[in-house]
Protein backbone atom coordinates (compact mmCIF):
# COMPACT_ATOMS: atom_id res chain seq x y z
CA MET A 1 -0.01 -0.01 -0.01
CA ARG A 2 1.25 3.46 -0.88
CA THR A 3 0.65 6.33 1.50
CA PHE A 4 0.93 10.07 0.85
CA LEU A 5 0.54 12.65 3.66
CA LEU A 6 -0.50 16.19 2.80
CA SER A 7 -1.48 19.09 5.06
CA SER A 8 -4.29 20.50 2.93
CA PRO A 9 -7.01 19.46 0.47
CA ILE A 10 -6.42 18.47 -3.14
CA HIS A 11 -8.74 18.18 -6.05
CA ALA A 12 -9.75 14.53 -6.34
CA ALA A 13 -9.70 14.40 -10.11
CA LEU A 14 -6.12 15.70 -10.22
CA ALA A 15 -5.20 13.26 -7.53
CA ALA A 16 -6.25 10.38 -9.71
CA LEU A 17 -4.17 11.61 -12.62
CA CYS A 18 -1.11 13.12 -10.93
CA LEU A 19 -0.49 11.05 -7.80
CA GLY A 20 3.09 10.39 -8.75
CA THR A 21 4.13 14.05 -8.62
CA MET A 22 1.68 16.00 -6.53
CA ALA A 23 3.45 15.61 -3.17
CA SER A 24 6.40 17.62 -4.42
CA GLN A 25 4.20 20.27 -6.09
CA LEU A 26 1.96 21.29 -3.22
CA PRO A 27 3.34 24.03 -0.93
CA SER A 28 3.26 23.40 2.76
CA ALA A 29 0.57 24.89 4.97
CA VAL A 30 3.31 26.84 6.81
CA SER A 31 4.50 28.53 3.62
CA ALA A 32 0.96 29.29 2.56
CA GLN A 33 0.27 30.81 5.98
CA LYS A 34 3.34 33.03 5.82
CA SER A 35 2.31 34.24 2.37
CA ILE A 36 -1.12 35.21 3.64
CA LEU A 37 0.20 37.10 6.62
CA GLN A 38 2.59 39.05 4.41
CA GLU A 39 -0.03 40.18 1.95
CA VAL A 40 -3.26 40.88 3.88
CA GLU A 41 -4.31 42.19 7.27
CA ALA A 42 -6.90 40.86 9.65
CA THR A 43 -10.40 42.31 9.22
CA PRO A 44 -11.82 43.61 12.54
CA GLY A 45 -15.40 43.00 13.57
CA ARG A 46 -15.81 39.76 11.61
CA ALA A 47 -15.63 37.07 14.30
CA LEU A 48 -15.63 33.47 13.20
CA MET A 49 -18.22 31.16 14.69
CA PRO A 50 -16.90 27.99 16.40
CA PRO A 51 -16.28 25.02 14.10
CA ARG A 52 -19.27 22.65 13.92
CA ILE A 53 -20.19 19.46 12.05
CA ASP A 54 -23.92 18.88 11.50
CA ARG A 55 -25.30 15.50 10.49
CA VAL A 56 -28.24 15.81 8.08
CA GLY A 57 -30.42 13.31 6.29
CA VAL A 58 -30.06 13.13 2.49
CA ARG A 59 -31.74 10.81 0.06
CA ALA A 60 -28.37 9.97 -1.52
CA THR A 61 -27.58 7.63 1.41
CA LEU A 62 -30.24 5.28 -0.09
CA LEU A 63 -28.30 4.97 -3.32
CA ARG A 64 -26.06 1.95 -3.79
CA TRP A 65 -23.22 1.54 -6.26
CA GLY A 66 -24.43 -0.50 -9.23
CA MET A 67 -28.21 0.04 -8.76
CA SER A 68 -30.25 0.69 -11.88
CA ALA A 69 -31.00 4.13 -13.27
CA GLY A 70 -34.69 3.47 -12.65
CA ASP A 71 -34.07 2.90 -8.94
CA VAL A 72 -32.05 6.07 -8.81
CA GLU A 73 -34.94 8.02 -10.29
CA ARG A 74 -37.38 6.38 -7.89
CA ILE A 75 -35.29 7.52 -4.91
CA MET A 76 -34.04 10.91 -6.08
CA GLY A 77 -36.83 12.02 -8.42
CA GLY A 78 -36.06 14.19 -11.45
CA PRO A 79 -32.77 16.14 -11.45
CA ALA A 80 -32.58 19.89 -11.69
CA GLN A 81 -29.83 19.50 -14.27
CA ALA A 82 -28.60 16.61 -16.40
CA GLU A 83 -25.50 16.29 -18.61
CA SER A 84 -24.62 13.50 -20.98
CA PHE A 85 -21.20 12.33 -22.23
CA VAL A 86 -19.80 9.49 -24.25
CA SER A 87 -16.40 8.12 -23.22
CA ALA A 88 -14.35 4.99 -23.45
CA ASP A 89 -16.13 3.79 -20.32
CA GLY A 90 -19.55 4.06 -21.98
CA LYS A 91 -22.40 6.54 -21.98
CA LEU A 92 -22.31 8.75 -18.90
CA ARG A 93 -25.06 10.91 -17.41
CA VAL A 94 -24.41 13.27 -14.51
CA LEU A 95 -27.60 14.16 -12.61
CA LYS A 96 -27.51 17.13 -10.25
CA PHE A 97 -29.76 17.78 -7.29
CA PRO A 98 -28.73 21.18 -5.82
CA ALA A 99 -31.87 21.52 -3.64
CA GLU A 100 -30.90 18.53 -1.43
CA PRO A 101 -29.82 19.38 2.18
CA ILE A 102 -26.32 18.64 0.78
CA ALA A 103 -26.13 19.30 -2.97
CA THR A 104 -25.75 15.95 -4.74
CA ALA A 105 -24.40 14.79 -8.10
CA VAL A 106 -25.10 11.29 -9.31
CA THR A 107 -23.25 9.58 -12.20
CA ILE A 108 -24.92 6.89 -14.28
CA THR A 109 -22.74 4.79 -16.59
CA ASP A 110 -24.88 3.11 -19.24
CA ASP A 111 -27.81 2.12 -16.97
CA SER A 112 -26.04 1.68 -13.63
CA LEU A 113 -25.12 4.05 -10.80
CA SER A 114 -21.35 4.46 -10.90
CA GLY A 115 -20.77 7.46 -8.59
CA VAL A 116 -22.29 9.81 -6.02
CA ALA A 117 -20.72 13.04 -4.83
CA LEU A 118 -21.96 15.26 -1.97
CA ASP A 119 -20.89 18.90 -2.29
CA ILE A 120 -20.19 19.41 1.40
CA ALA A 121 -18.04 22.46 0.54
CA GLY A 122 -20.96 24.15 -1.26
CA ILE A 123 -18.61 24.92 -4.15
CA ASP A 124 -20.73 23.65 -7.06
CA ASP A 125 -23.19 26.59 -7.10
CA PRO A 126 -24.80 26.91 -10.51
CA THR A 127 -25.29 30.68 -9.97
CA LEU A 128 -21.56 31.31 -9.90
CA PRO A 129 -20.31 33.14 -13.01
CA ASN A 130 -18.00 31.27 -15.38
CA PHE A 131 -14.85 33.22 -14.51
CA SER A 132 -14.95 31.88 -10.95
CA ARG A 133 -14.99 28.24 -11.99
CA ALA A 134 -11.21 28.40 -12.48
CA ALA A 135 -10.88 28.19 -8.69
CA TRP A 136 -11.59 24.69 -7.45
CA LEU A 137 -11.72 23.12 -4.02
CA GLY A 138 -8.26 22.77 -2.49
CA MET A 139 -6.49 25.18 -4.91
CA SER A 140 -3.63 27.08 -3.27
CA ARG A 141 -3.76 30.81 -2.70
CA SER A 142 -0.90 31.52 -5.10
CA VAL A 143 -2.63 29.60 -7.94
CA VAL A 144 -5.91 31.45 -7.32
CA LEU A 145 -4.02 34.72 -7.79
CA GLN A 146 -2.42 33.38 -10.99
CA MET A 147 -5.76 32.27 -12.41
CA LEU A 148 -7.96 35.20 -11.36
CA GLY A 149 -5.55 38.06 -10.66
CA ALA A 150 -5.61 40.28 -7.64
CA PRO A 151 -8.93 40.58 -5.76
CA VAL A 152 -10.59 43.95 -5.35
CA GLU A 153 -10.84 43.27 -1.63
CA ASP A 154 -9.04 40.83 0.66
CA ARG A 155 -10.17 40.01 4.17
CA LEU A 156 -8.44 37.85 6.75
CA GLN A 157 -9.63 36.43 10.08
CA ASP A 158 -7.94 34.07 12.51
CA GLY A 159 -9.78 31.79 14.89
CA TYR A 160 -9.77 28.33 16.42
CA GLY A 161 -6.27 27.55 15.12
CA MET A 162 -7.19 28.32 11.50
CA THR A 163 -6.94 31.31 9.16
CA ALA A 164 -9.96 32.17 7.03
CA GLU A 165 -9.48 34.47 4.05
CA GLN A 166 -12.11 36.05 1.83
CA MET A 167 -11.01 37.20 -1.61
CA ILE A 168 -13.57 39.30 -3.49
CA PHE A 169 -13.42 39.40 -7.30
CA GLU A 170 -15.45 41.44 -9.75
CA ARG A 171 -15.83 41.36 -13.51
CA PRO A 172 -17.87 43.69 -15.76
CA GLY A 173 -21.32 42.21 -16.43
CA ASP A 174 -20.97 39.47 -13.79
CA PRO A 175 -21.96 39.38 -10.11
CA ASP A 176 -19.20 39.76 -7.52
CA VAL A 177 -17.70 36.50 -6.23
CA SER A 178 -16.21 35.71 -2.84
CA ILE A 179 -13.65 32.90 -2.70
CA PHE A 180 -12.98 31.63 0.82
CA LEU A 181 -9.73 29.95 1.81
CA ILE A 182 -8.84 28.08 4.99
CA ASP A 183 -5.12 28.02 5.77
CA GLY A 184 -4.28 29.08 2.22
CA ARG A 185 -6.53 26.58 0.36
CA VAL A 186 -9.91 27.20 -1.31
CA ALA A 187 -12.68 25.97 0.99
CA THR A 188 -15.73 27.33 -0.83
CA LYS A 189 -16.98 30.20 -3.00
CA LYS A 190 -20.23 32.14 -3.31
CA VAL A 191 -21.88 34.97 -5.13
CA GLY A 192 -21.71 38.31 -3.31
CA ARG A 193 -19.47 40.04 -0.76
CA SER A 194 -21.02 38.91 2.50
CA PHE A 195 -18.67 37.28 5.02
CA LEU A 196 -19.41 33.67 6.06
CA ALA A 197 -19.05 33.72 9.84
CA ASP A 198 -19.64 29.92 9.90
CA ILE A 199 -17.06 29.18 7.20
CA LEU A 200 -15.32 26.68 9.54
CA SER A 201 -18.53 24.56 9.78
CA PHE A 202 -20.05 22.06 7.40
CA ALA A 203 -22.59 19.21 7.20
CA LEU A 204 -22.07 15.49 6.67
CA PRO A 205 -24.76 12.91 5.77
CA LEU A 206 -26.40 10.75 8.38
CA ALA A 207 -25.47 7.08 8.22
CA PRO A 208 -27.44 4.88 5.79
CA ASP A 209 -30.47 3.15 7.30
CA HIS A 210 -29.83 -0.54 6.73
CA GLY A 211 -33.14 -1.39 8.39
CA ASP A 212 -34.85 -0.57 5.09
CA ASP A 213 -32.56 -2.71 2.97
CA GLU A 214 -34.58 -3.88 -0.03
CA ILE A 215 -32.18 -6.62 -1.02
CA ASP A 216 -32.99 -9.82 0.91
CA ASP A 217 -29.90 -11.83 0.02
CA VAL A 218 -27.41 -9.30 1.38
CA ALA A 219 -24.66 -11.86 1.65
CA ASP A 220 -24.96 -12.83 -2.03
CA ARG A 221 -24.95 -9.35 -3.58
CA PRO A 222 -21.78 -7.84 -5.13
CA LYS A 223 -19.62 -6.01 -2.62
CA GLN A 224 -19.96 -2.79 -4.61
CA GLN A 225 -23.63 -2.66 -3.74
CA GLY A 226 -22.66 -2.22 -0.11
CA VAL A 227 -21.17 1.19 -0.88
CA GLN A 228 -23.22 4.21 0.15
CA VAL A 229 -22.35 7.77 1.06
CA GLY A 230 -22.63 8.26 4.79
CA MET A 231 -20.90 4.99 5.66
CA LYS A 232 -17.72 4.90 7.78
CA ALA A 233 -14.21 4.35 6.44
CA SER A 234 -13.99 1.20 8.60
CA GLU A 235 -17.06 -0.24 6.83
CA LEU A 236 -15.46 0.25 3.44
CA GLN A 237 -12.30 -1.48 4.59
CA ALA A 238 -14.40 -4.40 5.81
CA LEU A 239 -15.69 -4.73 2.22
CA PHE A 240 -12.45 -4.28 0.26
CA GLY A 241 -9.53 -4.52 2.69
CA SER A 242 -6.83 -1.88 2.89
CA PRO A 243 -6.68 0.86 0.22
CA LYS A 244 -4.12 0.56 -2.53
CA LEU A 245 -3.37 4.23 -2.14
CA HIS A 246 -4.57 7.01 0.11
CA VAL A 247 -3.87 10.71 0.52
CA ASP A 248 -4.49 12.31 3.92
CA TYR A 249 -5.25 16.02 4.18
CA LYS A 250 -7.35 18.47 6.16
CA PHE A 251 -10.79 19.93 5.34
CA LYS A 252 -11.59 22.90 7.56
CA GLY A 253 -9.35 21.54 10.23
CA ARG A 254 -10.86 18.01 10.11
CA PRO A 255 -9.16 14.87 8.86
CA ALA A 256 -9.97 13.95 5.28
CA GLU A 257 -8.80 11.22 2.94
CA TYR A 258 -8.82 10.44 -0.77
CA ALA A 259 -8.39 6.69 -1.32
CA ILE A 260 -8.31 4.11 -4.10
CA TYR A 261 -9.62 0.62 -3.29
CA GLU A 262 -9.46 -2.48 -5.48
CA THR A 263 -13.16 -3.38 -5.49
CA ASN A 264 -12.81 -6.57 -7.61
CA PRO A 265 -9.32 -8.12 -7.43
CA GLY A 266 -7.51 -7.73 -10.74
CA LYS A 267 -10.56 -6.27 -12.49
CA SER A 268 -11.89 -3.03 -11.05
CA PHE A 269 -11.27 -0.26 -8.51
CA GLY A 270 -13.00 2.71 -7.07
CA ARG A 271 -12.15 6.24 -5.82
CA PHE A 272 -13.44 7.40 -2.48
CA THR A 273 -13.40 10.57 -0.41
CA PHE A 274 -13.84 10.60 3.36
CA VAL A 275 -14.23 13.61 5.64
CA ASN A 276 -14.02 13.07 9.38
CA GLY A 277 -14.22 9.34 8.68
CA ILE A 278 -17.50 9.60 6.68
CA LEU A 279 -17.80 8.68 2.98
CA THR A 280 -18.88 11.76 1.01
CA GLU A 281 -18.02 10.67 -2.54
CA PHE A 282 -17.35 7.51 -4.51
CA ALA A 283 -16.79 6.81 -8.18
CA ASP A 284 -16.08 3.80 -10.40
CA GLY A 285 -12.47 3.72 -11.49
CA GLY A 286 -13.31 3.24 -15.14
CA LYS A 287 -11.30 1.13 -17.58
CA THR A 288 -7.89 2.59 -16.90
CA PRO A 289 -5.70 -0.15 -15.33
CA LEU A 290 -5.04 0.35 -11.64
CA SER A 291 -1.32 -0.04 -12.23
CA GLN A 292 -1.30 3.02 -14.44
CA ILE A 293 -3.19 5.09 -11.81
CA LEU A 294 -0.76 4.05 -9.08
CA ASP A 295 2.21 4.92 -11.32
CA GLY A 296 0.75 8.38 -11.98
CA ARG A 297 0.25 7.75 -15.71
């Protein structure tokens, strides 16, 4: 098993493609913190609320990896937005449900559920203007400045062992956008200039209710069908053993992990994201051989 240890979040898609080199490319949290303190001053009168993790019920915890598209529709209803793609892995549809207590994206490959992602950072807001989409979750402060230029206003607030920064950007014809960073990494973004006093808090899904399991022969079903957002990391390890690769980081001061598990020995694997030990995202690994992923190719 290969293990990487990082001090701050990374973008999961880049992790899957660039695992061989990213550890040397990411600046340390200490360097990012020094950079912040050199360039901006603390904003008085904007006290941060204490960090808090809420547990909320979301329908996505009823979704199981591999269930049919019809079952997904029965549970989730019609999506607010749907996108279709054709790739080497088959026909993909991404269904988005922004009105859920935690905004949810569901991926269907051909006719089967192949991924669920909960937007616990609130970063996939459809009202955000296009220029702000260049800043993604976990991006370093220096790269944000390279991509978007200098903000028109920059606010900094320390509290609870973390540093929250609000960068405000404006473009002609577009609404203003605030990009929030925790310890030098993008934590979320929103339309407008208002300060998020609860920026250090977030919500995680409640655990799946196995009492309503509709599959009688639980022991005979494929292991993938035991995967649901809201489950614990220990439950996933009970299904698939130890991860083949994992990257540890922090999300708003809480432990987080991006991991790759071999879900069918020699045949398939999956990508998983945990925050505070709770599964918030999973995705089928596709047809790329696991050896190539582990080698960073």
